[in-house]
Amino acid sequence: MSLPEIVLPLHIFFLAISVVGIFFADSYGLAWFKGKIPILDMVKIKKYHDFVFAGLGALILTGFILFWPMREFLLNNTLFYIKMFFILALVVNGFFIGKLMVVATTRTYESLTNEEKFPLFVSGAVSTIGWISATVIAIVLFD
């Protein structure tokens, strides 16, 4: 059994657990957005954030292991570069989420101005688009 054959199931596993973490984090954030929870618990939201960020890190590490034997093919494929753009966006957004989540732990959503809400929406959009796009492109690349 080759290293990629061992690592691919791990890569998929890390994607699955990241999706589970995203589901819990987004559900918790949605409850804040809807006013069901006035202020989020910092310890809880930080655990979700760290869990998803660690999953992304594990995906990047296993992705690099999978990339290496196929680098000639991938480095000549535009879709690969688009996928890397989305992954970079997820990493950068992860740092912004770390700063933005403080807002949800100190203020109600309703008390925010439109200018304060805008970065939250942008971050959510980047996250959603990034995770879905990177996953779909990976499926297309290796189908």
Protein backbone atom coordinates (compact mmCIF):
# COMPACT_ATOMS: atom_id res chain seq x y z
CA MET A 1 0.00 0.00 0.00
CA SER A 2 1.45 3.38 -1.04
CA LEU A 3 1.57 6.50 1.12
CA PRO A 4 -1.17 8.29 -0.90
CA GLU A 5 -3.44 5.26 -0.47
CA ILE A 6 -2.98 5.55 3.28
CA VAL A 7 -3.22 9.35 3.42
CA LEU A 8 -6.29 9.80 1.18
CA PRO A 9 -8.71 8.23 3.70
CA LEU A 10 -7.15 10.43 6.42
CA HIS A 11 -7.60 13.48 4.20
CA ILE A 12 -11.27 12.64 3.70
CA PHE A 13 -11.65 11.96 7.43
CA PHE A 14 -10.22 15.39 8.28
CA LEU A 15 -12.62 16.98 5.80
CA ALA A 16 -15.54 15.16 7.44
CA ILE A 17 -14.59 16.21 10.96
CA SER A 18 -14.01 19.78 9.77
CA VAL A 19 -17.51 19.81 8.29
CA VAL A 20 -18.91 18.56 11.61
CA GLY A 21 -17.04 21.35 13.42
CA ILE A 22 -18.31 23.91 10.92
CA PHE A 23 -21.86 22.65 11.41
CA PHE A 24 -21.67 23.07 15.19
CA ALA A 25 -19.93 26.46 14.99
CA ASP A 26 -22.35 27.78 12.37
CA SER A 27 -25.38 26.47 14.27
CA TYR A 28 -24.15 28.22 17.39
CA GLY A 29 -23.48 31.43 15.45
CA LEU A 30 -26.89 31.23 13.78
CA ALA A 31 -28.54 31.04 17.20
CA TRP A 32 -26.73 34.29 18.09
CA PHE A 33 -27.72 35.83 14.76
CA LYS A 34 -31.39 34.95 15.36
CA GLY A 35 -31.27 36.28 18.93
CA LYS A 36 -31.87 32.86 20.52
CA ILE A 37 -28.55 33.22 22.34
CA PRO A 38 -27.79 36.85 23.24
CA ILE A 39 -24.02 36.47 23.68
CA LEU A 40 -21.89 33.45 22.76
CA ASP A 41 -19.66 31.72 25.26
CA MET A 42 -16.01 32.48 24.41
CA VAL A 43 -14.73 29.11 25.59
CA LYS A 44 -17.26 27.21 23.48
CA ILE A 45 -16.83 29.29 20.32
CA LYS A 46 -13.04 29.17 20.65
CA LYS A 47 -13.18 25.36 20.87
CA TYR A 48 -15.23 25.25 17.66
CA HIS A 49 -12.87 27.65 15.92
CA ASP A 50 -9.75 25.77 17.05
CA PHE A 51 -11.31 22.44 16.03
CA VAL A 52 -12.11 23.64 12.50
CA PHE A 53 -8.77 25.43 12.14
CA ALA A 54 -6.93 22.27 13.24
CA GLY A 55 -8.98 20.30 10.70
CA LEU A 56 -7.97 22.76 8.00
CA GLY A 57 -4.33 22.41 9.06
CA ALA A 58 -4.58 18.62 8.92
CA LEU A 59 -6.18 18.89 5.47
CA ILE A 60 -3.33 21.08 4.27
CA LEU A 61 -0.74 18.66 5.64
CA THR A 62 -2.37 15.55 4.18
CA GLY A 63 -3.11 17.49 0.99
CA PHE A 64 0.58 18.27 0.59
CA ILE A 65 1.43 14.57 1.02
CA LEU A 66 -1.13 13.74 -1.68
CA PHE A 67 0.07 16.59 -3.89
CA TRP A 68 3.74 15.62 -3.98
CA PRO A 69 3.56 12.48 -6.17
CA MET A 70 1.10 14.26 -8.52
CA ARG A 71 2.78 17.66 -8.58
CA GLU A 72 3.59 17.53 -12.32
CA PHE A 73 -0.08 17.04 -13.19
CA LEU A 74 -1.41 19.49 -10.60
CA LEU A 75 1.05 22.31 -11.28
CA ASN A 76 -0.11 22.29 -14.91
CA ASN A 77 -3.80 22.43 -14.00
CA THR A 78 -5.63 25.75 -13.59
CA LEU A 79 -8.24 24.17 -11.31
CA PHE A 80 -5.48 23.28 -8.84
CA TYR A 81 -4.48 26.96 -8.57
CA ILE A 82 -8.10 27.97 -8.09
CA LYS A 83 -8.41 25.40 -5.31
CA MET A 84 -5.23 26.76 -3.68
CA PHE A 85 -6.74 30.26 -3.84
CA PHE A 86 -9.78 29.04 -1.91
CA ILE A 87 -7.59 27.28 0.64
CA LEU A 88 -5.54 30.44 1.12
CA ALA A 89 -8.80 32.37 1.56
CA LEU A 90 -9.88 29.86 4.24
CA VAL A 91 -6.59 30.24 6.12
CA VAL A 92 -6.70 34.04 6.01
CA ASN A 93 -10.39 34.01 6.94
CA GLY A 94 -9.60 31.71 9.87
CA PHE A 95 -7.47 34.45 11.39
CA PHE A 96 -10.21 37.03 10.80
CA ILE A 97 -12.81 34.73 12.36
CA GLY A 98 -10.59 34.52 15.42
CA LYS A 99 -10.89 38.29 15.80
CA LEU A 100 -14.53 38.58 14.70
CA MET A 101 -15.83 35.95 17.10
CA VAL A 102 -14.96 38.27 20.00
CA VAL A 103 -17.84 40.50 18.89
CA ALA A 104 -20.32 37.66 19.35
CA THR A 105 -19.02 37.00 22.85
CA THR A 106 -19.45 40.58 24.03
CA ARG A 107 -22.48 41.99 22.17
CA THR A 108 -25.83 40.91 20.88
CA TYR A 109 -26.24 40.69 17.12
CA GLU A 110 -29.11 43.14 17.29
CA SER A 111 -26.89 45.79 18.94
CA LEU A 112 -24.41 45.81 16.03
CA THR A 113 -24.44 48.51 13.39
CA ASN A 114 -24.52 47.59 9.71
CA GLU A 115 -20.82 48.48 9.49
CA GLU A 116 -20.10 46.01 12.32
CA LYS A 117 -22.27 43.29 10.75
CA PHE A 118 -20.66 43.56 7.30
CA PRO A 119 -17.34 41.84 8.17
CA LEU A 120 -19.29 39.00 9.80
CA PHE A 121 -21.26 38.44 6.59
CA VAL A 122 -18.14 38.65 4.43
CA SER A 123 -16.32 36.16 6.66
CA GLY A 124 -19.27 33.78 6.57
CA ALA A 125 -19.48 34.04 2.79
CA VAL A 126 -15.74 33.47 2.36
CA SER A 127 -15.94 30.43 4.62
CA THR A 128 -18.95 28.90 2.88
CA ILE A 129 -17.69 29.58 -0.64
CA GLY A 130 -14.15 28.48 0.24
CA TRP A 131 -15.04 25.15 1.83
CA ILE A 132 -17.58 24.20 -0.83
CA SER A 133 -15.43 25.33 -3.76
CA ALA A 134 -12.23 23.62 -2.55
CA THR A 135 -14.15 20.37 -1.99
CA VAL A 136 -15.95 20.47 -5.35
CA ILE A 137 -12.74 21.28 -7.22
CA ALA A 138 -10.96 18.37 -5.52
CA ILE A 139 -13.75 16.04 -6.62
CA VAL A 140 -13.60 17.41 -10.18
CA LEU A 141 -9.80 17.17 -10.32
CA PHE A 142 -9.71 13.52 -9.32
CA ASP A 143 -12.95 12.19 -10.78
